[in-house]
Every structure is written in structure tokens, then in C-alpha cells.
């Protein structure tokens, strides 16, 4: 059921906060009455990220999407995480706080609780962008029947200040294998049916998301790219990507790619490997965005 007004008026007041998702909400009037709205289940794995969790939750709730649920799997946080969860409990479908086997285990637990047709996975320090669910709904109604809908991603700092925009192109399995990230969980919606056969791999701490995309791409090519920014990845000192030793990340990428027959050279920087693949995908992305670039230049004249 489409909302008659936005949810910002019923959420806890955002004291001394401004902008999205504190004093700004997604425009509920954008959602059309004749559209289909598959339920989106958002899994939030959490551990001692209470200072960011509220922003994460608001970025889901204030999408004003007509059909969603929030599932929080907390690993037994000792900070103010539980207080934040209870503050937003009326908008949370399910939550638990107990010791678990880490992020991958938490996500797998969350998947078992999902009742939606699509699921998102948003870390407790990351956020969705304003109107992200609207852009998903618009694309889904124009192009239904796909397994993965994904958009562009913005990196932000600990104060939610924008850092870098990451634009992607239509998904290519070869690109993520030989070039690098071309899809991220922060800006992605997955068909629930995929997880009847796939689990988040616990053996990876750093590249479990990469392993997930490799596994999905091995099963389906039904990916649809959305040119808007759908999610934000937060860079801060306590982020797992900042605290895990870089050699661990490298070793995990070596292991993952080797499972798919790709040999990474340990003594050669990644940007110096498979350079022709990287050049091709750079050209491919440029051609994909060429109409927007030409339109922008025309408007500037």
C-alpha cells in the first residue's frame, strides 16, 4: 500500500542532525499506484557500530517504500547498539543480539528470516541513498524477472561527507574477475530465490561479498544496472576494511580467483595484472556513459 505521507513525521526526532536521512526523506509521491512493489527484506549485520546504525536504519525506513522489512542480526554488541535498535523497534521486523560467527554467519542467519521477494544487505555503518528503493521499483516495473538489480555507489566519510563516486556499467563476470569491483552490496537488490542455492562463505572475512558475486554470476546472467547512486560505503578507522591487514585481503582474493582458474601474481601489483582486460572495461564503461557526457557538454554550451 502506497503511503499517504512520509514516515519522517513519526520517526524519532533527529537532534542536531540535518540532511539525508535525518531531516530529508525519499519522496513517497513518486511511487505509482499501478506499479508492483515486491517486498524488500534488508538484512543488517551489526556489531558495535551503534554510532552509525541509526543512520543506516533511517536510510531504509525513509525510503518510504510501500513493502519492506528490516532484519538486524547483531553479534552481541556492548555499545549503544541495542538502545538504537529499541528506539526503532516499531519499524524492525526481526532482530536478535547474540554471539555469532562473524559477518558472514550473521548474514546467513538473516537470510533464513527473510520473507521478501528481494533482499538487500546493508552493513550497520553504511547507508542507502535517497530514493534508492524508488529507483529499484521503477527499474523493476520496466524490466521485471531479473535476479540482481544494482546501481552506483558513493563512498562517504565518518561524518557522511561524500568522497568518491563509483560508476558501474552493466554487469560483466569477466570484469570482476580480471579488473575489479563492478558491483557492491551497498547498492544492490538480490532475488531471494538465489539463496536457495547460495550462502555467504564463512571462510572469507574480507572478500565474502566478492565471493557472493562470483557465485551468483556462476548461476545467472540476469543482472540489471541502474545508473543512479543507490548506496553509500562508509570509510572510517573502525571499518572492517580498515582494520583487516591488507595482506589478508590480497590472500583472499588470490584464493577466490584461483577457484575460478585465475592466477594472480603475488609479486605484481593488481593494477599491473590483466592490463588489457582493464583497458577494455574502461573503454566499455566510457561508451556506456557517453550519451550522458555528450548531453552534459551540450547543456554547458
C-alpha atoms as a PDB file:
ATOM      1  CA  UNK A   1       0.000   0.000   0.000  1.00  0.00           C
ATOM      2  CA  UNK A   2       1.421   3.356  -1.052  1.00  0.00           C
ATOM      3  CA  UNK A   3       1.906   5.760   1.833  1.00  0.00           C
ATOM      4  CA  UNK A   4      -0.306   8.834   2.136  1.00  0.00           C
ATOM      5  CA  UNK A   5       2.536  10.737   3.797  1.00  0.00           C
ATOM      6  CA  UNK A   6       6.195  10.226   4.539  1.00  0.00           C
ATOM      7  CA  UNK A   7       7.404   8.415   7.649  1.00  0.00           C
ATOM      8  CA  UNK A   8       9.743  11.169   8.807  1.00  0.00           C
ATOM      9  CA  UNK A   9       6.960  12.716  10.873  1.00  0.00           C
ATOM     10  CA  UNK A  10       6.609   9.568  13.018  1.00  0.00           C
ATOM     11  CA  UNK A  11      10.285   8.693  13.451  1.00  0.00           C
ATOM     12  CA  UNK A  12      12.304   9.819  16.475  1.00  0.00           C
ATOM     13  CA  UNK A  13      13.415  13.429  16.134  1.00  0.00           C
ATOM     14  CA  UNK A  14      16.885  13.862  14.681  1.00  0.00           C
ATOM     15  CA  UNK A  15      18.507  16.145  17.234  1.00  0.00           C
ATOM     16  CA  UNK A  16      21.331  18.295  15.865  1.00  0.00           C
ATOM     17  CA  UNK A  17      21.324  16.323  12.627  1.00  0.00           C
ATOM     18  CA  UNK A  18      20.438  17.507   9.146  1.00  0.00           C
ATOM     19  CA  UNK A  19      20.121  16.335   5.543  1.00  0.00           C
ATOM     20  CA  UNK A  20      19.532  12.759   4.410  1.00  0.00           C
ATOM     21  CA  UNK A  21      18.357  10.663   6.224  1.00  0.00           C
ATOM     22  CA  UNK A  22      17.775  12.957   9.212  1.00  0.00           C
ATOM     23  CA  UNK A  23      15.671  15.870   8.014  1.00  0.00           C
ATOM     24  CA  UNK A  24      15.143  14.695   4.428  1.00  0.00           C
ATOM     25  CA  UNK A  25      13.146  11.680   3.247  1.00  0.00           C
ATOM     26  CA  UNK A  26      12.530   9.989  -0.084  1.00  0.00           C
ATOM     27  CA  UNK A  27       9.523  11.375  -1.923  1.00  0.00           C
ATOM     28  CA  UNK A  28       6.641   8.980  -1.242  1.00  0.00           C
ATOM     29  CA  UNK A  29       4.618  10.633  -4.035  1.00  0.00           C
ATOM     30  CA  UNK A  30       6.996   9.182  -6.639  1.00  0.00           C
ATOM     31  CA  UNK A  31       5.603   5.684  -6.133  1.00  0.00           C
ATOM     32  CA  UNK A  32       2.882   4.984  -8.701  1.00  0.00           C
ATOM     33  CA  UNK A  33      -0.367   3.259  -7.804  1.00  0.00           C
ATOM     34  CA  UNK A  34      -0.239   0.849 -10.760  1.00  0.00           C
ATOM     35  CA  UNK A  35       3.285  -0.418 -10.036  1.00  0.00           C
ATOM     36  CA  UNK A  36       4.142  -3.732  -8.422  1.00  0.00           C
ATOM     37  CA  UNK A  37       6.168  -3.470  -5.212  1.00  0.00           C
ATOM     38  CA  UNK A  38       7.950  -6.722  -4.365  1.00  0.00           C
ATOM     39  CA  UNK A  39       8.793  -6.890  -0.686  1.00  0.00           C
ATOM     40  CA  UNK A  40      12.379  -5.869   0.027  1.00  0.00           C
ATOM     41  CA  UNK A  41      13.982  -7.521   3.054  1.00  0.00           C
ATOM     42  CA  UNK A  42      17.036  -5.626   4.261  1.00  0.00           C
ATOM     43  CA  UNK A  43      19.495  -7.608   6.380  1.00  0.00           C
ATOM     44  CA  UNK A  44      21.703  -5.516   8.649  1.00  0.00           C
ATOM     45  CA  UNK A  45      24.637  -7.453  10.187  1.00  0.00           C
ATOM     46  CA  UNK A  46      25.746  -5.482  13.220  1.00  0.00           C
ATOM     47  CA  UNK A  47      28.477  -5.396  15.847  1.00  0.00           C
ATOM     48  CA  UNK A  48      29.411  -2.362  17.943  1.00  0.00           C
ATOM     49  CA  UNK A  49      28.510   0.180  15.264  1.00  0.00           C
ATOM     50  CA  UNK A  50      25.839   1.938  17.312  1.00  0.00           C
ATOM     51  CA  UNK A  51      27.059   5.397  16.367  1.00  0.00           C
ATOM     52  CA  UNK A  52      26.283   4.654  12.700  1.00  0.00           C
ATOM     53  CA  UNK A  53      23.391   2.203  12.999  1.00  0.00           C
ATOM     54  CA  UNK A  54      20.688   4.832  13.455  1.00  0.00           C
ATOM     55  CA  UNK A  55      21.624   6.463  10.153  1.00  0.00           C
ATOM     56  CA  UNK A  56      21.566   3.062   8.459  1.00  0.00           C
ATOM     57  CA  UNK A  57      18.065   2.314   9.761  1.00  0.00           C
ATOM     58  CA  UNK A  58      16.703   5.721   8.822  1.00  0.00           C
ATOM     59  CA  UNK A  59      18.103   5.336   5.307  1.00  0.00           C
ATOM     60  CA  UNK A  60      15.930   2.225   4.959  1.00  0.00           C
ATOM     61  CA  UNK A  61      12.762   3.451   6.659  1.00  0.00           C
ATOM     62  CA  UNK A  62      12.775   6.858   4.983  1.00  0.00           C
ATOM     63  CA  UNK A  63      12.787   5.320   1.526  1.00  0.00           C
ATOM     64  CA  UNK A  64       9.008   5.390   2.158  1.00  0.00           C
ATOM     65  CA  UNK A  65       8.816   2.191   0.124  1.00  0.00           C
ATOM     66  CA  UNK A  66       5.407   0.522   0.419  1.00  0.00           C
ATOM     67  CA  UNK A  67       6.645  -3.015   1.134  1.00  0.00           C
ATOM     68  CA  UNK A  68       9.804  -3.652   3.160  1.00  0.00           C
ATOM     69  CA  UNK A  69      11.141  -5.331   6.287  1.00  0.00           C
ATOM     70  CA  UNK A  70      14.286  -4.836   8.349  1.00  0.00           C
ATOM     71  CA  UNK A  71      16.178  -7.769   9.841  1.00  0.00           C
ATOM     72  CA  UNK A  72      19.039  -6.997  12.243  1.00  0.00           C
ATOM     73  CA  UNK A  73      21.470  -9.730  13.240  1.00  0.00           C
ATOM     74  CA  UNK A  74      23.707  -8.308  15.963  1.00  0.00           C
ATOM     75  CA  UNK A  75      26.739 -10.175  17.251  1.00  0.00           C
ATOM     76  CA  UNK A  76      26.288  -9.222  20.904  1.00  0.00           C
ATOM     77  CA  UNK A  77      27.241  -5.542  20.797  1.00  0.00           C
ATOM     78  CA  UNK A  78      28.409  -3.868  24.011  1.00  0.00           C
ATOM     79  CA  UNK A  79      27.995  -0.242  22.880  1.00  0.00           C
ATOM     80  CA  UNK A  80      24.675   1.589  22.392  1.00  0.00           C
ATOM     81  CA  UNK A  81      23.559  -0.632  19.509  1.00  0.00           C
ATOM     82  CA  UNK A  82      20.688  -2.222  21.469  1.00  0.00           C
ATOM     83  CA  UNK A  83      19.401   1.190  22.535  1.00  0.00           C
ATOM     84  CA  UNK A  84      19.305   2.258  18.873  1.00  0.00           C
ATOM     85  CA  UNK A  85      17.519  -0.936  17.863  1.00  0.00           C
ATOM     86  CA  UNK A  86      14.867  -0.484  20.548  1.00  0.00           C
ATOM     87  CA  UNK A  87      14.434   3.146  19.514  1.00  0.00           C
ATOM     88  CA  UNK A  88      13.432   1.981  16.009  1.00  0.00           C
ATOM     89  CA  UNK A  89      11.853  -1.320  17.000  1.00  0.00           C
ATOM     90  CA  UNK A  90       8.367  -0.455  15.610  1.00  0.00           C
ATOM     91  CA  UNK A  91       9.886  -0.468  12.102  1.00  0.00           C
ATOM     92  CA  UNK A  92      12.008  -3.603  12.559  1.00  0.00           C
ATOM     93  CA  UNK A  93      10.575  -6.965  11.509  1.00  0.00           C
ATOM     94  CA  UNK A  94      13.102  -9.094  13.399  1.00  0.00           C
ATOM     95  CA  UNK A  95      16.209  -8.565  15.463  1.00  0.00           C
ATOM     96  CA  UNK A  96      18.477 -10.598  17.682  1.00  0.00           C
ATOM     97  CA  UNK A  97      21.647  -9.854  19.613  1.00  0.00           C
ATOM     98  CA  UNK A  98      23.810 -12.857  20.362  1.00  0.00           C
ATOM     99  CA  UNK A  99      27.326 -14.080  19.745  1.00  0.00           C
ATOM    100  CA  UNK A 100      27.764 -15.323  16.199  1.00  0.00           C
ATOM    101  CA  UNK A 101      30.471 -16.483  13.838  1.00  0.00           C
ATOM    102  CA  UNK A 102      31.085 -13.088  12.281  1.00  0.00           C
ATOM    103  CA  UNK A 103      29.589 -11.066   9.455  1.00  0.00           C
ATOM    104  CA  UNK A 104      29.049 -13.931   7.023  1.00  0.00           C
ATOM    105  CA  UNK A 105      27.330 -16.024   9.682  1.00  0.00           C
ATOM    106  CA  UNK A 106      25.111 -13.063  10.609  1.00  0.00           C
ATOM    107  CA  UNK A 107      24.006 -12.531   7.004  1.00  0.00           C
ATOM    108  CA  UNK A 108      23.260 -16.235   6.551  1.00  0.00           C
ATOM    109  CA  UNK A 109      21.140 -16.136   9.722  1.00  0.00           C
ATOM    110  CA  UNK A 110      19.311 -13.108   8.376  1.00  0.00           C
ATOM    111  CA  UNK A 111      18.579 -14.812   5.062  1.00  0.00           C
ATOM    112  CA  UNK A 112      16.706 -17.530   6.940  1.00  0.00           C
ATOM    113  CA  UNK A 113      14.344 -14.882   8.348  1.00  0.00           C
ATOM    114  CA  UNK A 114      13.628 -13.172   5.026  1.00  0.00           C
ATOM    115  CA  UNK A 115      10.010 -13.148   3.811  1.00  0.00           C
ATOM    116  CA  UNK A 116      10.527 -10.798   0.861  1.00  0.00           C
ATOM    117  CA  UNK A 117      10.976 -11.457  -2.831  1.00  0.00           C
ATOM    118  CA  UNK A 118      14.163  -9.389  -2.877  1.00  0.00           C
ATOM    119  CA  UNK A 119      16.768  -8.805  -0.237  1.00  0.00           C
ATOM    120  CA  UNK A 120      19.356  -6.177   0.421  1.00  0.00           C
ATOM    121  CA  UNK A 121      22.384  -6.430   2.669  1.00  0.00           C
ATOM    122  CA  UNK A 122      23.413  -3.160   4.259  1.00  0.00           C
ATOM    123  CA  UNK A 123      26.214  -3.071   6.810  1.00  0.00           C
ATOM    124  CA  UNK A 124      25.477  -1.217  10.033  1.00  0.00           C
ATOM    125  CA  UNK A 125      27.849   1.622   9.123  1.00  0.00           C
ATOM    126  CA  UNK A 126      26.680   2.032   5.512  1.00  0.00           C
ATOM    127  CA  UNK A 127      23.512   3.638   4.142  1.00  0.00           C
ATOM    128  CA  UNK A 128      21.137   3.659   1.199  1.00  0.00           C
ATOM    129  CA  UNK A 129      20.905   6.829  -0.864  1.00  0.00           C
ATOM    130  CA  UNK A 130      17.776   8.951  -1.021  1.00  0.00           C
ATOM    131  CA  UNK A 131      15.185   7.468  -3.436  1.00  0.00           C
ATOM    132  CA  UNK A 132      17.218   4.252  -3.842  1.00  0.00           C
ATOM    133  CA  UNK A 133      14.177   1.999  -3.406  1.00  0.00           C
ATOM    134  CA  UNK A 134      12.196   4.157  -5.822  1.00  0.00           C
ATOM    135  CA  UNK A 135      14.860   3.682  -8.496  1.00  0.00           C
ATOM    136  CA  UNK A 136      14.736  -0.069  -7.865  1.00  0.00           C
ATOM    137  CA  UNK A 137      10.928  -0.103  -8.151  1.00  0.00           C
ATOM    138  CA  UNK A 138      10.969   1.971 -11.326  1.00  0.00           C
ATOM    139  CA  UNK A 139      13.516  -0.324 -12.958  1.00  0.00           C
ATOM    140  CA  UNK A 140      11.815  -3.478 -11.718  1.00  0.00           C
ATOM    141  CA  UNK A 141       8.478  -2.437 -13.209  1.00  0.00           C
ATOM    142  CA  UNK A 142      10.085  -1.610 -16.541  1.00  0.00           C
ATOM    143  CA  UNK A 143      12.272  -4.708 -16.559  1.00  0.00           C
ATOM    144  CA  UNK A 144      10.924  -7.461 -14.277  1.00  0.00           C
ATOM    145  CA  UNK A 145      12.103 -11.046 -13.985  1.00  0.00           C
ATOM    146  CA  UNK A 146      15.771 -10.424 -13.215  1.00  0.00           C
ATOM    147  CA  UNK A 147      17.858 -11.752 -10.335  1.00  0.00           C
ATOM    148  CA  UNK A 148      20.046  -8.769  -9.410  1.00  0.00           C
ATOM    149  CA  UNK A 149      19.328  -5.038  -9.662  1.00  0.00           C
ATOM    150  CA  UNK A 150      22.284  -2.822  -8.784  1.00  0.00           C
ATOM    151  CA  UNK A 151      23.315   0.796  -9.013  1.00  0.00           C
ATOM    152  CA  UNK A 152      26.254   3.099  -8.498  1.00  0.00           C
ATOM    153  CA  UNK A 153      27.923   3.635  -5.139  1.00  0.00           C
ATOM    154  CA  UNK A 154      29.278   6.641  -3.259  1.00  0.00           C
ATOM    155  CA  UNK A 155      31.981   6.472  -0.613  1.00  0.00           C
ATOM    156  CA  UNK A 156      31.435   8.700   2.424  1.00  0.00           C
ATOM    157  CA  UNK A 157      33.487   9.562   5.487  1.00  0.00           C
ATOM    158  CA  UNK A 158      32.601   9.079   9.153  1.00  0.00           C
ATOM    159  CA  UNK A 159      30.527  12.283   9.042  1.00  0.00           C
ATOM    160  CA  UNK A 160      28.695  11.186   5.869  1.00  0.00           C
ATOM    161  CA  UNK A 161      30.587  13.661   3.718  1.00  0.00           C
ATOM    162  CA  UNK A 162      30.767  12.447   0.080  1.00  0.00           C
ATOM    163  CA  UNK A 163      34.215  11.287  -1.021  1.00  0.00           C
ATOM    164  CA  UNK A 164      34.209   9.431  -4.339  1.00  0.00           C
ATOM    165  CA  UNK A 165      31.533   8.377  -6.811  1.00  0.00           C
ATOM    166  CA  UNK A 166      31.903   4.866  -8.225  1.00  0.00           C
ATOM    167  CA  UNK A 167      30.055   4.487 -11.513  1.00  0.00           C
ATOM    168  CA  UNK A 168      29.494   0.994 -12.817  1.00  0.00           C
ATOM    169  CA  UNK A 169      28.390  -0.459 -16.140  1.00  0.00           C
ATOM    170  CA  UNK A 170      26.141  -3.431 -16.979  1.00  0.00           C
ATOM    171  CA  UNK A 171      27.488  -6.402 -15.072  1.00  0.00           C
ATOM    172  CA  UNK A 172      30.247  -8.495 -16.593  1.00  0.00           C
ATOM    173  CA  UNK A 173      31.599 -11.553 -14.811  1.00  0.00           C
ATOM    174  CA  UNK A 174      34.921 -11.114 -16.595  1.00  0.00           C
ATOM    175  CA  UNK A 175      35.217  -7.573 -15.283  1.00  0.00           C
ATOM    176  CA  UNK A 176      35.061  -8.522 -11.623  1.00  0.00           C
ATOM    177  CA  UNK A 177      37.361 -11.472 -12.313  1.00  0.00           C
ATOM    178  CA  UNK A 178      40.060  -9.624 -14.240  1.00  0.00           C
ATOM    179  CA  UNK A 179      39.601  -5.927 -13.487  1.00  0.00           C
ATOM    180  CA  UNK A 180      37.973  -5.314 -10.103  1.00  0.00           C
ATOM    181  CA  UNK A 181      34.806  -4.192  -8.396  1.00  0.00           C
ATOM    182  CA  UNK A 182      31.910  -3.527 -10.741  1.00  0.00           C
ATOM    183  CA  UNK A 183      29.095  -4.103  -8.224  1.00  0.00           C
ATOM    184  CA  UNK A 184      28.755  -3.610  -4.456  1.00  0.00           C
ATOM    185  CA  UNK A 185      26.309  -4.851  -1.823  1.00  0.00           C
ATOM    186  CA  UNK A 186      25.594  -1.298  -0.621  1.00  0.00           C
ATOM    187  CA  UNK A 187      23.755  -0.603  -3.891  1.00  0.00           C
ATOM    188  CA  UNK A 188      22.291  -3.996  -4.722  1.00  0.00           C
ATOM    189  CA  UNK A 189      18.988  -5.908  -4.532  1.00  0.00           C
ATOM    190  CA  UNK A 190      19.047  -9.704  -4.888  1.00  0.00           C
ATOM    191  CA  UNK A 191      16.266 -12.123  -5.746  1.00  0.00           C
ATOM    192  CA  UNK A 192      15.532 -14.215  -2.672  1.00  0.00           C
ATOM    193  CA  UNK A 193      15.471 -17.347  -4.836  1.00  0.00           C
ATOM    194  CA  UNK A 194      19.210 -17.094  -5.423  1.00  0.00           C
ATOM    195  CA  UNK A 195      19.844 -18.006  -1.807  1.00  0.00           C
ATOM    196  CA  UNK A 196      18.150 -21.360  -2.090  1.00  0.00           C
ATOM    197  CA  UNK A 197      21.474 -22.489  -3.563  1.00  0.00           C
ATOM    198  CA  UNK A 198      23.991 -19.892  -2.341  1.00  0.00           C
ATOM    199  CA  UNK A 199      25.317 -18.926   1.088  1.00  0.00           C
ATOM    200  CA  UNK A 200      27.745 -16.253   2.195  1.00  0.00           C
ATOM    201  CA  UNK A 201      31.051 -18.077   2.574  1.00  0.00           C
ATOM    202  CA  UNK A 202      32.346 -18.027   6.149  1.00  0.00           C
ATOM    203  CA  UNK A 203      35.936 -18.770   5.140  1.00  0.00           C
ATOM    204  CA  UNK A 204      36.302 -15.239   3.763  1.00  0.00           C
ATOM    205  CA  UNK A 205      36.485 -12.253   6.116  1.00  0.00           C
ATOM    206  CA  UNK A 206      37.453  -9.584   3.607  1.00  0.00           C
ATOM    207  CA  UNK A 207      36.030 -10.704   0.253  1.00  0.00           C
ATOM    208  CA  UNK A 208      32.843 -12.530   1.241  1.00  0.00           C
ATOM    209  CA  UNK A 209      30.936 -10.034  -0.917  1.00  0.00           C
ATOM    210  CA  UNK A 210      33.213 -10.707  -3.872  1.00  0.00           C
ATOM    211  CA  UNK A 211      32.733 -14.443  -3.349  1.00  0.00           C
ATOM    212  CA  UNK A 212      28.969 -13.900  -3.315  1.00  0.00           C
ATOM    213  CA  UNK A 213      29.036 -12.075  -6.653  1.00  0.00           C
ATOM    214  CA  UNK A 214      31.261 -14.770  -8.160  1.00  0.00           C
ATOM    215  CA  UNK A 215      28.812 -17.456  -7.015  1.00  0.00           C
ATOM    216  CA  UNK A 216      25.768 -15.564  -8.280  1.00  0.00           C
ATOM    217  CA  UNK A 217      27.380 -14.827 -11.647  1.00  0.00           C
ATOM    218  CA  UNK A 218      28.176 -18.530 -11.982  1.00  0.00           C
ATOM    219  CA  UNK A 219      24.438 -19.239 -11.793  1.00  0.00           C
ATOM    220  CA  UNK A 220      22.730 -16.373 -13.611  1.00  0.00           C
ATOM    221  CA  UNK A 221      23.363 -13.550 -16.039  1.00  0.00           C
ATOM    222  CA  UNK A 222      20.150 -11.720 -15.134  1.00  0.00           C
ATOM    223  CA  UNK A 223      21.756  -8.540 -13.788  1.00  0.00           C
ATOM    224  CA  UNK A 224      20.287  -5.086 -14.415  1.00  0.00           C
ATOM    225  CA  UNK A 225      22.305  -1.922 -13.822  1.00  0.00           C
ATOM    226  CA  UNK A 226      20.635   1.280 -12.592  1.00  0.00           C
ATOM    227  CA  UNK A 227      22.589   4.446 -13.372  1.00  0.00           C
ATOM    228  CA  UNK A 228      21.648   6.249 -10.158  1.00  0.00           C
ATOM    229  CA  UNK A 229      23.566   6.090  -6.875  1.00  0.00           C
ATOM    230  CA  UNK A 230      21.745   3.587  -4.657  1.00  0.00           C
ATOM    231  CA  UNK A 231      24.070   3.201  -1.682  1.00  0.00           C
ATOM    232  CA  UNK A 232      26.989   4.620   0.255  1.00  0.00           C
ATOM    233  CA  UNK A 233      30.032   2.817   1.622  1.00  0.00           C
ATOM    234  CA  UNK A 234      31.471   4.493   4.703  1.00  0.00           C
ATOM    235  CA  UNK A 235      35.238   4.788   5.131  1.00  0.00           C
ATOM    236  CA  UNK A 236      36.339   5.183   8.732  1.00  0.00           C
ATOM    237  CA  UNK A 237      39.038   3.898  11.071  1.00  0.00           C
ATOM    238  CA  UNK A 238      36.848   1.239  12.694  1.00  0.00           C
ATOM    239  CA  UNK A 239      35.504  -0.203   9.435  1.00  0.00           C
ATOM    240  CA  UNK A 240      36.404  -3.829   8.848  1.00  0.00           C
ATOM    241  CA  UNK A 241      38.052  -2.888   5.550  1.00  0.00           C
ATOM    242  CA  UNK A 242      40.337  -0.577   7.538  1.00  0.00           C
ATOM    243  CA  UNK A 243      41.165  -2.955  10.385  1.00  0.00           C
ATOM    244  CA  UNK A 244      41.899  -6.138   8.402  1.00  0.00           C
ATOM    245  CA  UNK A 245      45.515  -6.484   7.284  1.00  0.00           C
ATOM    246  CA  UNK A 246      45.821  -5.758   3.559  1.00  0.00           C
ATOM    247  CA  UNK A 247      47.777  -8.977   3.062  1.00  0.00           C
ATOM    248  CA  UNK A 248      44.715 -10.849   4.312  1.00  0.00           C
ATOM    249  CA  UNK A 249      42.575  -9.184   1.672  1.00  0.00           C
ATOM    250  CA  UNK A 250      45.140  -9.958  -1.027  1.00  0.00           C
ATOM    251  CA  UNK A 251      45.409 -13.607   0.062  1.00  0.00           C
ATOM    252  CA  UNK A 252      41.640 -13.988  -0.003  1.00  0.00           C
ATOM    253  CA  UNK A 253      41.374 -12.513  -3.493  1.00  0.00           C
ATOM    254  CA  UNK A 254      44.131 -14.917  -4.642  1.00  0.00           C
ATOM    255  CA  UNK A 255      42.209 -17.843  -3.160  1.00  0.00           C
ATOM    256  CA  UNK A 256      38.857 -16.749  -4.590  1.00  0.00           C
ATOM    257  CA  UNK A 257      40.135 -16.109  -8.098  1.00  0.00           C
ATOM    258  CA  UNK A 258      42.123 -19.357  -8.099  1.00  0.00           C
ATOM    259  CA  UNK A 259      38.856 -21.229  -7.502  1.00  0.00           C
ATOM    260  CA  UNK A 260      37.748 -19.849 -10.872  1.00  0.00           C
ATOM    261  CA  UNK A 261      41.009 -20.673 -12.667  1.00  0.00           C
ATOM    262  CA  UNK A 262      42.556 -17.193 -12.442  1.00  0.00           C
ATOM    263  CA  UNK A 263      46.171 -16.935 -11.290  1.00  0.00           C
ATOM    264  CA  UNK A 264      47.175 -13.710  -9.523  1.00  0.00           C
ATOM    265  CA  UNK A 265      50.894 -12.975  -9.422  1.00  0.00           C
ATOM    266  CA  UNK A 266      51.937 -12.293  -5.808  1.00  0.00           C
ATOM    267  CA  UNK A 267      54.898 -10.092  -6.800  1.00  0.00           C
ATOM    268  CA  UNK A 268      52.966  -7.860  -9.256  1.00  0.00           C
ATOM    269  CA  UNK A 269      50.583  -5.061  -8.161  1.00  0.00           C
ATOM    270  CA  UNK A 270      46.973  -5.786  -9.102  1.00  0.00           C
ATOM    271  CA  UNK A 271      46.739  -2.733 -11.390  1.00  0.00           C
ATOM    272  CA  UNK A 272      49.624  -4.184 -13.420  1.00  0.00           C
ATOM    273  CA  UNK A 273      47.903  -7.523 -13.990  1.00  0.00           C
ATOM    274  CA  UNK A 274      45.446  -8.308 -16.810  1.00  0.00           C
ATOM    275  CA  UNK A 275      46.013  -4.781 -18.153  1.00  0.00           C
ATOM    276  CA  UNK A 276      44.302  -5.437 -21.500  1.00  0.00           C
ATOM    277  CA  UNK A 277      41.159  -6.600 -19.705  1.00  0.00           C
ATOM    278  CA  UNK A 278      41.259  -3.479 -17.547  1.00  0.00           C
ATOM    279  CA  UNK A 279      41.686  -1.241 -20.596  1.00  0.00           C
ATOM    280  CA  UNK A 280      38.774  -2.897 -22.380  1.00  0.00           C
ATOM    281  CA  UNK A 281      36.421  -2.444 -19.438  1.00  0.00           C
ATOM    282  CA  UNK A 282      37.486   1.180 -19.049  1.00  0.00           C
ATOM    283  CA  UNK A 283      36.580   1.779 -22.717  1.00  0.00           C
ATOM    284  CA  UNK A 284      33.327  -0.162 -22.290  1.00  0.00           C
ATOM    285  CA  UNK A 285      32.277   1.974 -19.337  1.00  0.00           C
ATOM    286  CA  UNK A 286      33.170   5.155 -21.194  1.00  0.00           C
ATOM    287  CA  UNK A 287      30.948   4.155 -24.107  1.00  0.00           C
ATOM    288  CA  UNK A 288      28.127   3.273 -21.699  1.00  0.00           C
ATOM    289  CA  UNK A 289      28.158   6.773 -20.188  1.00  0.00           C
ATOM    290  CA  UNK A 290      28.957   8.606 -23.435  1.00  0.00           C
ATOM    291  CA  UNK A 291      25.357   9.812 -24.038  1.00  0.00           C
ATOM    292  CA  UNK A 292      25.252  11.476 -20.597  1.00  0.00           C
ATOM    293  CA  UNK A 293      28.680  13.056 -21.138  1.00  0.00           C
ATOM    294  CA  UNK A 294      27.689  14.463 -24.534  1.00  0.00           C
ATOM    295  CA  UNK A 295      24.383  15.733 -23.135  1.00  0.00           C
ATOM    296  CA  UNK A 296      26.174  17.461 -20.267  1.00  0.00           C
ATOM    297  CA  UNK A 297      28.645  19.140 -22.615  1.00  0.00           C
ATOM    298  CA  UNK A 298      25.769  20.291 -24.835  1.00  0.00           C
ATOM    299  CA  UNK A 299      23.979  21.840 -21.842  1.00  0.00           C
ATOM    300  CA  UNK A 300      27.153  23.658 -20.811  1.00  0.00           C
ATOM    301  CA  UNK A 301      27.461  25.433 -24.161  1.00  0.00           C
END
